C-alpha atoms as a PDB file:
ATOM      1  CA  MET A   1     -31.362  15.650  27.339  1.00  0.00           C
ATOM      2  CA  PRO A   2     -32.835  19.170  27.295  1.00  0.00           C
ATOM      3  CA  THR A   3     -33.380  20.659  23.836  1.00  0.00           C
ATOM      4  CA  ARG A   4     -30.860  23.468  24.391  1.00  0.00           C
ATOM      5  CA  ARG A   5     -28.178  20.997  25.377  1.00  0.00           C
ATOM      6  CA  VAL A   6     -28.837  18.880  22.267  1.00  0.00           C
ATOM      7  CA  LEU A   7     -28.509  21.956  20.064  1.00  0.00           C
ATOM      8  CA  ALA A   8     -25.289  22.939  21.820  1.00  0.00           C
ATOM      9  CA  VAL A   9     -23.754  19.508  21.207  1.00  0.00           C
ATOM     10  CA  VAL A  10     -24.773  19.578  17.531  1.00  0.00           C
ATOM     11  CA  ALA A  11     -23.374  23.070  17.112  1.00  0.00           C
ATOM     12  CA  ALA A  12     -20.080  22.104  18.752  1.00  0.00           C
ATOM     13  CA  ALA A  13     -19.722  19.057  16.513  1.00  0.00           C
ATOM     14  CA  ALA A  14     -20.574  21.114  13.448  1.00  0.00           C
ATOM     15  CA  GLY A  15     -17.907  23.647  14.399  1.00  0.00           C
ATOM     16  CA  LEU A  16     -15.264  20.916  14.689  1.00  0.00           C
ATOM     17  CA  PHE A  17     -16.051  19.445  11.289  1.00  0.00           C
ATOM     18  CA  GLY A  18     -16.245  22.760   9.465  1.00  0.00           C
ATOM     19  CA  PHE A  19     -19.887  23.209   8.544  1.00  0.00           C
ATOM     20  CA  ALA A  20     -22.793  25.101  10.015  1.00  0.00           C
ATOM     21  CA  ALA A  21     -25.235  23.297  12.337  1.00  0.00           C
ATOM     22  CA  GLY A  22     -28.087  23.751   9.885  1.00  0.00           C
ATOM     23  CA  GLU A  23     -26.024  22.119   7.142  1.00  0.00           C
ATOM     24  CA  ALA A  24     -24.860  19.106   9.158  1.00  0.00           C
ATOM     25  CA  ALA A  25     -26.981  16.713   7.106  1.00  0.00           C
ATOM     26  CA  ALA A  26     -25.745  18.026   3.722  1.00  0.00           C
ATOM     27  CA  GLN A  27     -23.198  15.848   1.950  1.00  0.00           C
ATOM     28  CA  GLU A  28     -20.753  17.209  -0.622  1.00  0.00           C
ATOM     29  CA  LYS A  29     -19.594  14.567  -3.116  1.00  0.00           C
ATOM     30  CA  VAL A  30     -15.823  14.355  -3.395  1.00  0.00           C
ATOM     31  CA  ARG A  31     -14.298  11.935  -5.889  1.00  0.00           C
ATOM     32  CA  VAL A  32     -10.828  10.698  -4.934  1.00  0.00           C
ATOM     33  CA  GLY A  33      -8.425   8.696  -7.062  1.00  0.00           C
ATOM     34  CA  TRP A  34      -6.130   6.513  -5.010  1.00  0.00           C
ATOM     35  CA  VAL A  35      -3.553   3.762  -5.350  1.00  0.00           C
ATOM     36  CA  PRO A  36      -4.453   1.075  -2.767  1.00  0.00           C
ATOM     37  CA  ALA A  37      -1.475   0.507  -0.450  1.00  0.00           C
ATOM     38  CA  MET A  38      -0.602   0.578   3.236  1.00  0.00           C
ATOM     39  CA  VAL A  39       0.246   4.288   3.011  1.00  0.00           C
ATOM     40  CA  SER A  40      -3.334   4.837   1.805  1.00  0.00           C
ATOM     41  CA  SER A  41      -4.727   3.398   5.039  1.00  0.00           C
ATOM     42  CA  PRO A  42      -5.822   6.726   6.600  1.00  0.00           C
ATOM     43  CA  ILE A  43      -8.446   7.379   3.935  1.00  0.00           C
ATOM     44  CA  MET A  44      -9.932   3.901   4.485  1.00  0.00           C
ATOM     45  CA  ILE A  45      -9.805   4.319   8.260  1.00  0.00           C
ATOM     46  CA  ALA A  46     -11.531   7.713   8.033  1.00  0.00           C
ATOM     47  CA  ARG A  47     -14.192   6.287   5.730  1.00  0.00           C
ATOM     48  CA  ASP A  48     -14.765   3.211   7.875  1.00  0.00           C
ATOM     49  CA  LYS A  49     -15.068   5.222  11.093  1.00  0.00           C
ATOM     50  CA  GLY A  50     -17.474   7.706   9.512  1.00  0.00           C
ATOM     51  CA  TYR A  51     -15.184  10.734   9.674  1.00  0.00           C
ATOM     52  CA  PHE A  52     -15.997  11.835   6.126  1.00  0.00           C
ATOM     53  CA  LYS A  53     -19.737  11.607   6.692  1.00  0.00           C
ATOM     54  CA  GLN A  54     -19.380  13.526   9.938  1.00  0.00           C
ATOM     55  CA  ALA A  55     -17.518  16.220   8.010  1.00  0.00           C
ATOM     56  CA  GLY A  56     -20.285  16.441   5.407  1.00  0.00           C
ATOM     57  CA  ILE A  57     -18.327  14.603   2.698  1.00  0.00           C
ATOM     58  CA  ASP A  58     -19.870  11.991   0.419  1.00  0.00           C
ATOM     59  CA  LEU A  59     -16.629  10.177  -0.420  1.00  0.00           C
ATOM     60  CA  GLU A  60     -16.339   8.346  -3.727  1.00  0.00           C
ATOM     61  CA  LEU A  61     -13.113   6.363  -4.071  1.00  0.00           C
ATOM     62  CA  GLU A  62     -11.829   5.318  -7.484  1.00  0.00           C
ATOM     63  CA  SER A  63      -8.903   2.902  -7.545  1.00  0.00           C
ATOM     64  CA  VAL A  64      -6.172   3.686 -10.065  1.00  0.00           C
ATOM     65  CA  THR A  65      -3.112   1.659 -11.014  1.00  0.00           C
ATOM     66  CA  THR A  66      -0.715   4.611 -10.778  1.00  0.00           C
ATOM     67  CA  ALA A  67      -1.004   8.328 -10.134  1.00  0.00           C
ATOM     68  CA  THR A  68       0.100   8.823 -13.747  1.00  0.00           C
ATOM     69  CA  ASP A  69      -3.129   7.226 -14.956  1.00  0.00           C
ATOM     70  CA  ALA A  70      -5.302   9.700 -13.064  1.00  0.00           C
ATOM     71  CA  MET A  71      -3.415  13.021 -13.284  1.00  0.00           C
ATOM     72  CA  ALA A  72      -5.575  14.270 -16.159  1.00  0.00           C
ATOM     73  CA  HIS A  73      -8.698  13.386 -14.178  1.00  0.00           C
ATOM     74  CA  VAL A  74      -7.759  15.557 -11.213  1.00  0.00           C
ATOM     75  CA  GLY A  75      -6.499  18.255 -13.571  1.00  0.00           C
ATOM     76  CA  THR A  76      -9.877  18.436 -15.292  1.00  0.00           C
ATOM     77  CA  ASN A  77     -11.855  18.073 -12.035  1.00  0.00           C
ATOM     78  CA  ARG A  78     -13.349  14.680 -12.870  1.00  0.00           C
ATOM     79  CA  MET A  79     -11.603  13.798  -9.633  1.00  0.00           C
ATOM     80  CA  GLN A  80     -11.184  16.451  -7.000  1.00  0.00           C
ATOM     81  CA  ILE A  81      -8.283  14.788  -5.202  1.00  0.00           C
ATOM     82  CA  LEU A  82      -5.635  12.242  -6.157  1.00  0.00           C
ATOM     83  CA  GLU A  83      -3.507  10.246  -3.721  1.00  0.00           C
ATOM     84  CA  GLY A  84      -0.387   8.915  -5.387  1.00  0.00           C
ATOM     85  CA  GLY A  85       3.331   9.159  -6.036  1.00  0.00           C
ATOM     86  CA  VAL A  86       5.307  12.296  -6.826  1.00  0.00           C
ATOM     87  CA  GLN A  87       5.782  11.519 -10.505  1.00  0.00           C
ATOM     88  CA  ALA A  88       7.108  13.610 -13.384  1.00  0.00           C
ATOM     89  CA  ASN A  89       3.628  13.943 -14.860  1.00  0.00           C
ATOM     90  CA  PHE A  90       2.535  16.047 -11.874  1.00  0.00           C
ATOM     91  CA  PHE A  91       5.110  18.686 -12.803  1.00  0.00           C
ATOM     92  CA  ASN A  92       4.315  18.380 -16.516  1.00  0.00           C
ATOM     93  CA  ALA A  93       0.649  18.951 -15.664  1.00  0.00           C
ATOM     94  CA  LEU A  94       1.662  22.164 -13.895  1.00  0.00           C
ATOM     95  CA  VAL A  95       3.675  23.189 -16.941  1.00  0.00           C
ATOM     96  CA  SER A  96       0.459  22.651 -18.939  1.00  0.00           C
ATOM     97  CA  LYS A  97      -1.374  24.999 -16.528  1.00  0.00           C
ATOM     98  CA  TYR A  98      -3.530  22.324 -14.933  1.00  0.00           C
ATOM     99  CA  PRO A  99      -5.150  23.711 -11.761  1.00  0.00           C
ATOM    100  CA  ILE A 100      -3.549  21.298  -9.283  1.00  0.00           C
ATOM    101  CA  ILE A 101      -1.258  21.472  -6.262  1.00  0.00           C
ATOM    102  CA  ILE A 102       0.155  19.141  -3.597  1.00  0.00           C
ATOM    103  CA  ALA A 103      -1.945  19.590  -0.467  1.00  0.00           C
ATOM    104  CA  GLY A 104      -0.780  16.868   1.920  1.00  0.00           C
ATOM    105  CA  ASP A 105       1.667  14.086   2.715  1.00  0.00           C
ATOM    106  CA  ARG A 106       0.961  10.442   1.903  1.00  0.00           C
ATOM    107  CA  ALA A 107       4.346   8.748   2.349  1.00  0.00           C
ATOM    108  CA  SER A 108       7.582  10.222   3.649  1.00  0.00           C
ATOM    109  CA  THR A 109      10.760   9.380   5.566  1.00  0.00           C
ATOM    110  CA  PRO A 110      11.216   6.765   6.970  1.00  0.00           C
ATOM    111  CA  LEU A 111      10.051   4.925   3.869  1.00  0.00           C
ATOM    112  CA  GLY A 112      10.972   1.320   4.588  1.00  0.00           C
ATOM    113  CA  HIS A 113      12.585   0.895   1.165  1.00  0.00           C
ATOM    114  CA  LEU A 114      15.682  -1.240   0.634  1.00  0.00           C
ATOM    115  CA  VAL A 115      18.358  -1.405  -2.046  1.00  0.00           C
ATOM    116  CA  MET A 116      18.639  -5.154  -2.539  1.00  0.00           C
ATOM    117  CA  ILE A 117      21.089  -7.364  -4.436  1.00  0.00           C
ATOM    118  CA  ARG A 118      21.266 -10.973  -5.527  1.00  0.00           C
ATOM    119  CA  PRO A 119      22.607 -13.262  -2.751  1.00  0.00           C
ATOM    120  CA  ASP A 120      25.342 -14.626  -5.031  1.00  0.00           C
ATOM    121  CA  LEU A 121      26.761 -11.089  -5.363  1.00  0.00           C
ATOM    122  CA  LYS A 122      27.075 -10.241  -1.670  1.00  0.00           C
ATOM    123  CA  ASP A 123      30.844 -10.788  -1.719  1.00  0.00           C
ATOM    124  CA  GLU A 124      31.235  -8.580  -4.800  1.00  0.00           C
ATOM    125  CA  ILE A 125      28.754  -5.789  -4.011  1.00  0.00           C
ATOM    126  CA  LYS A 126      29.390  -4.511  -0.502  1.00  0.00           C
ATOM    127  CA  SER A 127      28.460  -0.849  -0.872  1.00  0.00           C
ATOM    128  CA  LEU A 128      26.708   1.560  -3.208  1.00  0.00           C
ATOM    129  CA  LYS A 129      30.048   2.235  -4.927  1.00  0.00           C
ATOM    130  CA  ASP A 130      30.092  -1.368  -6.113  1.00  0.00           C
ATOM    131  CA  LEU A 131      26.921  -0.793  -8.145  1.00  0.00           C
ATOM    132  CA  LYS A 132      28.931   0.962 -10.862  1.00  0.00           C
ATOM    133  CA  GLY A 133      28.351  -0.866 -14.143  1.00  0.00           C
ATOM    134  CA  ARG A 134      25.770  -3.171 -12.563  1.00  0.00           C
ATOM    135  CA  THR A 135      22.226  -3.775 -13.796  1.00  0.00           C
ATOM    136  CA  ILE A 136      19.773  -1.999 -11.510  1.00  0.00           C
ATOM    137  CA  SER A 137      16.004  -2.252 -11.692  1.00  0.00           C
ATOM    138  CA  ILE A 138      13.755   0.722 -11.034  1.00  0.00           C
ATOM    139  CA  ALA A 139       9.962   0.890 -11.326  1.00  0.00           C
ATOM    140  CA  GLY A 140      10.034   3.613 -13.975  1.00  0.00           C
ATOM    141  CA  ALA A 141      12.586   5.843 -15.697  1.00  0.00           C
ATOM    142  CA  GLY A 142      10.740   8.978 -14.599  1.00  0.00           C
ATOM    143  CA  SER A 143       9.580   7.623 -11.260  1.00  0.00           C
ATOM    144  CA  ILE A 144      10.166   8.738  -7.692  1.00  0.00           C
ATOM    145  CA  ILE A 145      12.117   5.495  -7.169  1.00  0.00           C
ATOM    146  CA  ALA A 146      14.536   6.548  -9.927  1.00  0.00           C
ATOM    147  CA  TYR A 147      14.978   9.879  -8.131  1.00  0.00           C
ATOM    148  CA  GLU A 148      15.635   8.094  -4.833  1.00  0.00           C
ATOM    149  CA  MET A 149      18.165   5.709  -6.381  1.00  0.00           C
ATOM    150  CA  ASP A 150      20.000   8.539  -8.108  1.00  0.00           C
ATOM    151  CA  ARG A 151      20.177  10.515  -4.863  1.00  0.00           C
ATOM    152  CA  LEU A 152      21.617   7.455  -3.119  1.00  0.00           C
ATOM    153  CA  LEU A 153      24.251   6.939  -5.797  1.00  0.00           C
ATOM    154  CA  LYS A 154      25.255  10.591  -5.665  1.00  0.00           C
ATOM    155  CA  THR A 155      26.268  10.141  -2.027  1.00  0.00           C
ATOM    156  CA  VAL A 156      29.134   7.955  -3.285  1.00  0.00           C
ATOM    157  CA  GLY A 157      29.971   9.992  -6.385  1.00  0.00           C
ATOM    158  CA  LEU A 158      27.877   8.013  -8.878  1.00  0.00           C
ATOM    159  CA  THR A 159      24.617   8.546 -10.770  1.00  0.00           C
ATOM    160  CA  LEU A 160      22.148   6.239 -12.464  1.00  0.00           C
ATOM    161  CA  ASN A 161      24.085   6.883 -15.689  1.00  0.00           C
ATOM    162  CA  ASP A 162      26.966   4.906 -14.159  1.00  0.00           C
ATOM    163  CA  THR A 163      24.744   1.824 -14.027  1.00  0.00           C
ATOM    164  CA  ASN A 164      22.737  -0.249 -16.471  1.00  0.00           C
ATOM    165  CA  VAL A 165      19.146   0.710 -15.704  1.00  0.00           C
ATOM    166  CA  LYS A 166      16.385  -1.789 -16.403  1.00  0.00           C
ATOM    167  CA  VAL A 167      12.769  -0.719 -15.900  1.00  0.00           C
ATOM    168  CA  LEU A 168      10.686  -3.507 -14.359  1.00  0.00           C
ATOM    169  CA  PRO A 169       7.374  -3.489 -12.462  1.00  0.00           C
ATOM    170  CA  ILE A 170       7.793  -4.433  -8.803  1.00  0.00           C
ATOM    171  CA  PRO A 171       5.858  -7.751  -9.166  1.00  0.00           C
ATOM    172  CA  GLN A 172       8.480  -8.945 -11.689  1.00  0.00           C
ATOM    173  CA  LEU A 173      11.412  -8.537  -9.302  1.00  0.00           C
ATOM    174  CA  PRO A 174      11.355 -12.060  -7.798  1.00  0.00           C
ATOM    175  CA  VAL A 175      11.706 -13.655 -11.237  1.00  0.00           C
ATOM    176  CA  ALA A 176      14.260 -11.073 -12.387  1.00  0.00           C
ATOM    177  CA  PHE A 177      16.454 -11.681  -9.334  1.00  0.00           C
ATOM    178  CA  ALA A 178      16.059 -15.471  -9.496  1.00  0.00           C
ATOM    179  CA  ASN A 179      16.963 -15.568 -13.204  1.00  0.00           C
ATOM    180  CA  LYS A 180      19.899 -13.163 -12.705  1.00  0.00           C
ATOM    181  CA  VAL A 181      18.379 -10.619 -15.078  1.00  0.00           C
ATOM    182  CA  ILE A 182      19.223  -7.871 -12.577  1.00  0.00           C
ATOM    183  CA  ASP A 183      21.938  -7.361  -9.986  1.00  0.00           C
ATOM    184  CA  ALA A 184      20.164  -4.890  -7.722  1.00  0.00           C
ATOM    185  CA  ALA A 185      16.917  -2.997  -7.223  1.00  0.00           C
ATOM    186  CA  ASP A 186      15.409  -0.269  -5.073  1.00  0.00           C
ATOM    187  CA  VAL A 187      12.460  -2.102  -3.521  1.00  0.00           C
ATOM    188  CA  TYR A 188       9.590  -1.033  -1.276  1.00  0.00           C
ATOM    189  CA  ALA A 189       7.631  -3.039   1.287  1.00  0.00           C
ATOM    190  CA  PRO A 190       6.107  -5.559   1.416  1.00  0.00           C
ATOM    191  CA  MET A 191       8.136  -6.865  -1.553  1.00  0.00           C
ATOM    192  CA  THR A 192      11.304  -6.305   0.507  1.00  0.00           C
ATOM    193  CA  HIS A 193      10.100  -8.838   3.083  1.00  0.00           C
ATOM    194  CA  GLN A 194       9.037 -11.332   0.421  1.00  0.00           C
ATOM    195  CA  LEU A 195      12.435 -11.236  -1.292  1.00  0.00           C
ATOM    196  CA  GLU A 196      14.281 -11.653   2.010  1.00  0.00           C
ATOM    197  CA  GLN A 197      12.061 -14.465   3.280  1.00  0.00           C
ATOM    198  CA  GLN A 198      12.384 -16.391   0.017  1.00  0.00           C
ATOM    199  CA  LYS A 199      16.144 -15.703  -0.038  1.00  0.00           C
ATOM    200  CA  ILE A 200      15.849 -14.297  -3.544  1.00  0.00           C
ATOM    201  CA  ALA A 201      17.597 -11.040  -2.596  1.00  0.00           C
ATOM    202  CA  VAL A 202      19.462  -9.548   0.355  1.00  0.00           C
ATOM    203  CA  ARG A 203      19.662  -5.980   1.583  1.00  0.00           C
ATOM    204  CA  LEU A 204      22.579  -3.792   0.629  1.00  0.00           C
ATOM    205  CA  VAL A 205      21.500  -0.378   1.927  1.00  0.00           C
ATOM    206  CA  ASP A 206      18.532   1.056   3.777  1.00  0.00           C
ATOM    207  CA  PRO A 207      17.877   4.450   2.111  1.00  0.00           C
ATOM    208  CA  ASP A 208      16.519   5.772   5.413  1.00  0.00           C
ATOM    209  CA  ASP A 209      20.055   5.458   6.828  1.00  0.00           C
ATOM    210  CA  VAL A 210      21.414   7.685   4.056  1.00  0.00           C
ATOM    211  CA  LEU A 211      18.685  10.077   2.896  1.00  0.00           C
ATOM    212  CA  THR A 212      16.520  12.446   4.915  1.00  0.00           C
ATOM    213  CA  ASN A 213      13.399  14.446   4.164  1.00  0.00           C
ATOM    214  CA  MET A 214      12.177  12.185   1.384  1.00  0.00           C
ATOM    215  CA  VAL A 215       8.571  12.614   0.213  1.00  0.00           C
ATOM    216  CA  VAL A 216       7.467   9.981  -2.284  1.00  0.00           C
ATOM    217  CA  ALA A 217       3.672  10.160  -2.260  1.00  0.00           C
ATOM    218  CA  VAL A 218       1.187  12.974  -1.682  1.00  0.00           C
ATOM    219  CA  SER A 219      -2.396  14.201  -1.898  1.00  0.00           C
ATOM    220  CA  ILE A 220      -2.962  16.353  -4.993  1.00  0.00           C
ATOM    221  CA  ILE A 221      -5.976  18.665  -5.121  1.00  0.00           C
ATOM    222  CA  ASN A 222      -7.782  20.469  -7.937  1.00  0.00           C
ATOM    223  CA  THR A 223      -7.346  24.132  -7.012  1.00  0.00           C
ATOM    224  CA  ASP A 224     -10.343  25.378  -9.033  1.00  0.00           C
ATOM    225  CA  TRP A 225     -12.617  23.052  -7.060  1.00  0.00           C
ATOM    226  CA  ALA A 226     -10.967  24.000  -3.759  1.00  0.00           C
ATOM    227  CA  ARG A 227     -11.410  27.691  -4.550  1.00  0.00           C
ATOM    228  CA  GLU A 228     -15.054  27.173  -5.499  1.00  0.00           C
ATOM    229  CA  LYS A 229     -15.844  24.936  -2.514  1.00  0.00           C
ATOM    230  CA  PRO A 230     -13.342  25.773   0.245  1.00  0.00           C
ATOM    231  CA  GLU A 231     -15.559  24.367   3.002  1.00  0.00           C
ATOM    232  CA  ALA A 232     -15.610  20.958   1.314  1.00  0.00           C
ATOM    233  CA  ALA A 233     -11.852  21.009   0.735  1.00  0.00           C
ATOM    234  CA  HIS A 234     -11.175  21.851   4.377  1.00  0.00           C
ATOM    235  CA  ALA A 235     -13.712  19.280   5.572  1.00  0.00           C
ATOM    236  CA  PHE A 236     -12.089  16.568   3.435  1.00  0.00           C
ATOM    237  CA  PHE A 237      -8.646  17.159   4.893  1.00  0.00           C
ATOM    238  CA  LEU A 238      -9.982  17.412   8.428  1.00  0.00           C
ATOM    239  CA  ALA A 239     -11.507  13.947   8.056  1.00  0.00           C
ATOM    240  CA  LEU A 240      -8.385  12.611   6.353  1.00  0.00           C
ATOM    241  CA  MET A 241      -6.167  13.962   9.137  1.00  0.00           C
ATOM    242  CA  ARG A 242      -8.344  12.234  11.716  1.00  0.00           C
ATOM    243  CA  GLY A 243      -7.768   8.988   9.810  1.00  0.00           C
ATOM    244  CA  THR A 244      -4.050   9.769   9.622  1.00  0.00           C
ATOM    245  CA  ARG A 245      -3.875  10.206  13.387  1.00  0.00           C
ATOM    246  CA  GLU A 246      -5.654   6.884  13.896  1.00  0.00           C
ATOM    247  CA  TYR A 247      -3.123   5.241  11.582  1.00  0.00           C
ATOM    248  CA  CYS A 248      -0.186   6.882  13.352  1.00  0.00           C
ATOM    249  CA  GLN A 249      -1.398   5.835  16.797  1.00  0.00           C
ATOM    250  CA  ALA A 250      -1.684   2.250  15.542  1.00  0.00           C
ATOM    251  CA  TYR A 251       1.733   2.588  13.849  1.00  0.00           C
ATOM    252  CA  HIS A 252       3.156   3.378  17.292  1.00  0.00           C
ATOM    253  CA  GLY A 253       1.380   0.447  18.957  1.00  0.00           C
ATOM    254  CA  GLY A 254      -1.491   2.442  20.441  1.00  0.00           C
ATOM    255  CA  ARG A 255      -4.647   0.986  21.945  1.00  0.00           C
ATOM    256  CA  ASN A 256      -6.402   1.216  18.580  1.00  0.00           C
ATOM    257  CA  ARG A 257      -3.917  -1.014  16.733  1.00  0.00           C
ATOM    258  CA  GLY A 258      -6.222  -4.053  16.752  1.00  0.00           C
ATOM    259  CA  GLU A 259      -9.141  -1.976  15.477  1.00  0.00           C
ATOM    260  CA  VAL A 260      -7.037  -0.456  12.694  1.00  0.00           C
ATOM    261  CA  ILE A 261      -5.670  -3.852  11.651  1.00  0.00           C
ATOM    262  CA  ASP A 262      -9.250  -5.116  11.451  1.00  0.00           C
ATOM    263  CA  ILE A 263     -10.161  -2.208   9.155  1.00  0.00           C
ATOM    264  CA  LEU A 264      -7.129  -2.803   6.929  1.00  0.00           C
ATOM    265  CA  MET A 265      -7.885  -6.503   6.570  1.00  0.00           C
ATOM    266  CA  ARG A 266     -11.631  -6.059   6.119  1.00  0.00           C
ATOM    267  CA  THR A 267     -11.233  -3.368   3.449  1.00  0.00           C
ATOM    268  CA  GLY A 268      -8.512  -5.274   1.600  1.00  0.00           C
ATOM    269  CA  ILE A 269      -5.680  -2.786   2.178  1.00  0.00           C
ATOM    270  CA  GLU A 270      -3.600  -5.671   3.543  1.00  0.00           C
ATOM    271  CA  LYS A 271      -5.008  -9.128   4.250  1.00  0.00           C
ATOM    272  CA  ARG A 272      -1.811 -10.856   5.373  1.00  0.00           C
ATOM    273  CA  PRO A 273      -1.340 -10.845   9.162  1.00  0.00           C
ATOM    274  CA  GLU A 274       2.363 -11.614   8.751  1.00  0.00           C
ATOM    275  CA  ILE A 275       2.830  -8.378   6.775  1.00  0.00           C
ATOM    276  CA  LEU A 276       0.861  -6.336   9.290  1.00  0.00           C
ATOM    277  CA  ALA A 277       3.162  -7.665  12.020  1.00  0.00           C
ATOM    278  CA  LEU A 278       6.128  -6.002  10.256  1.00  0.00           C
ATOM    279  CA  PRO A 279       7.001  -2.266  10.502  1.00  0.00           C
ATOM    280  CA  TRP A 280       4.461  -0.099   8.684  1.00  0.00           C
ATOM    281  CA  PRO A 281       5.278   2.656   6.170  1.00  0.00           C
ATOM    282  CA  SER A 282       5.275   6.164   7.608  1.00  0.00           C
ATOM    283  CA  ARG A 283       3.457   9.371   6.807  1.00  0.00           C
ATOM    284  CA  ARG A 284       3.563  12.657   8.678  1.00  0.00           C
ATOM    285  CA  ALA A 285       0.991  12.991  11.442  1.00  0.00           C
ATOM    286  CA  THR A 286       0.768  16.717  10.641  1.00  0.00           C
ATOM    287  CA  GLY A 287       0.118  16.037   6.960  1.00  0.00           C
ATOM    288  CA  ARG A 288       2.627  18.769   6.050  1.00  0.00           C
ATOM    289  CA  VAL A 289       4.799  18.501   2.950  1.00  0.00           C
ATOM    290  CA  ASP A 290       8.151  20.273   2.820  1.00  0.00           C
ATOM    291  CA  PRO A 291       8.150  22.477  -0.309  1.00  0.00           C
ATOM    292  CA  ALA A 292      11.952  22.213  -0.505  1.00  0.00           C
ATOM    293  CA  ALA A 293      11.751  18.416  -0.769  1.00  0.00           C
ATOM    294  CA  ILE A 294       9.248  18.626  -3.636  1.00  0.00           C
ATOM    295  CA  ALA A 295      11.298  21.344  -5.347  1.00  0.00           C
ATOM    296  CA  ASP A 296      14.324  19.023  -5.242  1.00  0.00           C
ATOM    297  CA  VAL A 297      12.310  16.272  -6.951  1.00  0.00           C
ATOM    298  CA  TYR A 298      11.158  18.760  -9.597  1.00  0.00           C
ATOM    299  CA  ASP A 299      14.734  19.933 -10.208  1.00  0.00           C
ATOM    300  CA  TRP A 300      15.867  16.328 -10.680  1.00  0.00           C
ATOM    301  CA  TYR A 301      13.073  15.511 -13.125  1.00  0.00           C
ATOM    302  CA  LYS A 302      13.788  18.675 -15.100  1.00  0.00           C
ATOM    303  CA  ALA A 303      17.570  18.136 -15.147  1.00  0.00           C
ATOM    304  CA  ASN A 304      17.033  14.599 -16.450  1.00  0.00           C
ATOM    305  CA  GLY A 305      14.629  15.626 -19.196  1.00  0.00           C
ATOM    306  CA  PHE A 306      11.409  14.252 -17.704  1.00  0.00           C
ATOM    307  CA  VAL A 307       9.819  17.686 -17.255  1.00  0.00           C
ATOM    308  CA  LYS A 308       9.641  20.096 -20.167  1.00  0.00           C
ATOM    309  CA  GLY A 309       9.122  23.614 -18.896  1.00  0.00           C
ATOM    310  CA  GLU A 310       9.301  25.848 -15.851  1.00  0.00           C
ATOM    311  CA  VAL A 311       7.119  25.694 -12.761  1.00  0.00           C
ATOM    312  CA  ALA A 312       7.046  28.426 -10.119  1.00  0.00           C
ATOM    313  CA  ARG A 313       8.011  27.114  -6.688  1.00  0.00           C
ATOM    314  CA  ASP A 314       4.861  28.517  -5.086  1.00  0.00           C
ATOM    315  CA  ARG A 315       2.770  26.309  -7.421  1.00  0.00           C
ATOM    316  CA  LEU A 316       4.117  23.085  -5.946  1.00  0.00           C
ATOM    317  CA  VAL A 317       2.785  22.820  -2.391  1.00  0.00           C
ATOM    318  CA  ASP A 318      -0.043  24.314  -0.342  1.00  0.00           C
ATOM    319  CA  ASN A 319      -0.170  23.180   3.302  1.00  0.00           C
ATOM    320  CA  THR A 320      -3.183  25.383   4.076  1.00  0.00           C
ATOM    321  CA  TYR A 321      -5.664  22.542   4.414  1.00  0.00           C
ATOM    322  CA  VAL A 322      -3.623  20.222   6.633  1.00  0.00           C
ATOM    323  CA  ASP A 323      -2.493  23.159   8.771  1.00  0.00           C
ATOM    324  CA  ALA A 324      -6.119  24.183   9.296  1.00  0.00           C
ATOM    325  CA  ALA A 325      -6.999  20.601  10.266  1.00  0.00           C
ATOM    326  CA  THR A 326      -4.135  20.479  12.773  1.00  0.00           C
ATOM    327  CA  ALA A 327      -5.249  23.802  14.247  1.00  0.00           C
ATOM    328  CA  LYS A 328      -8.708  22.325  14.872  1.00  0.00           C
ATOM    329  CA  LEU A 329      -7.512  18.951  16.133  1.00  0.00           C
ATOM    330  CA  GLY A 330      -4.664  20.244  18.275  1.00  0.00           C
ATOM    331  CA  PRO A 331      -1.114  18.850  18.516  1.00  0.00           C
ATOM    332  CA  PHE A 332      -0.628  15.162  17.765  1.00  0.00           C
ATOM    333  CA  VAL A 333       0.541  13.286  20.852  1.00  0.00           C
ATOM    334  CA  ILE A 334       1.723   9.670  20.585  1.00  0.00           C
ATOM    335  CA  GLU A 335      -0.349   7.607  22.995  1.00  0.00           C
ATOM    336  CA  ASN A 336       2.222   4.839  23.469  1.00  0.00           C
ATOM    337  CA  THR A 337       5.116   6.681  25.113  1.00  0.00           C
ATOM    338  CA  ASN A 338       7.273   3.545  24.866  1.00  0.00           C
ATOM    339  CA  SER A 339       7.223   3.569  21.054  1.00  0.00           C
ATOM    340  CA  LYS A 340      10.644   3.854  19.440  1.00  0.00           C
ATOM    341  CA  ALA A 341       9.287   3.837  15.880  1.00  0.00           C
ATOM    342  CA  PRO A 342      10.922   6.737  14.043  1.00  0.00           C
ATOM    343  CA  GLY A 343       8.109   7.858  11.764  1.00  0.00           C
ATOM    344  CA  CYS A 344       4.488   9.009  11.875  1.00  0.00           C
ATOM    345  CA  ARG A 345       5.164  12.076  14.041  1.00  0.00           C
END
């Protein structure tokens, strides 16, 4: 290939990934805290397919148990980005003037959650109204699951205060249901499938049939770092959005589904073929987060005493980075036109 043509190709690639041709070999280290789960697949896909390296990002992933554990790390720039749930501590960190903001979607409607009940109660509990006075398990008192359950109950004139709330980690639900410690729980996949298959619990309500515009997990960015190194921040989200599009095409049964499944199994995101054969959790192909949805979560946490202080609405969400990535990549078009899956659009 003639030298000029080689340089033209390099320059074009450099323009797509957000760095100058002369800097294509430079790698900016970005440390990311993440909670390994199916909704985290895009970051693994992007890493495995070399999208971060192509964008000039030296990605360092650090697994955390919950987003709560790592909020101080992203707030103090030990981590530049955190992928996790929309928890009360995010808003409390903003109250404490931590330089952080939500910069992208990680899990949103449809969520694939289920409100489940014990099988022996299916003739007594036939709707959300019948949960009044019942013992309900949620993953945490100040968790996004508590917010979701309260929103569900409000659709029938109840709140969590009308129930007996028991906080249990998700892995304890099979034993809690089997021993009749709880009557119901708001459960997310793949635990929903496990409980149904083992006949330990049955579905009462699919929250996706009742609630809309739910955002339960996001990408949180350190704004001081992003302001100091905007090229790296934009490059990170460009690579992540490429991984998100790969995930969404596979979600819709695209030609890359086998390749993506191989990545998920090889990297340990999900090693069970029977789980991968079930519907996958959704995230927005555009990466955009609705500020109104996050503001509603904040209002709920504050009203219920989990957030102490005021946060300006414009400090909650910044879609600048995912919007810039979409502008470079162009509109997302689902490859499999026969897909009826409702999410990942």
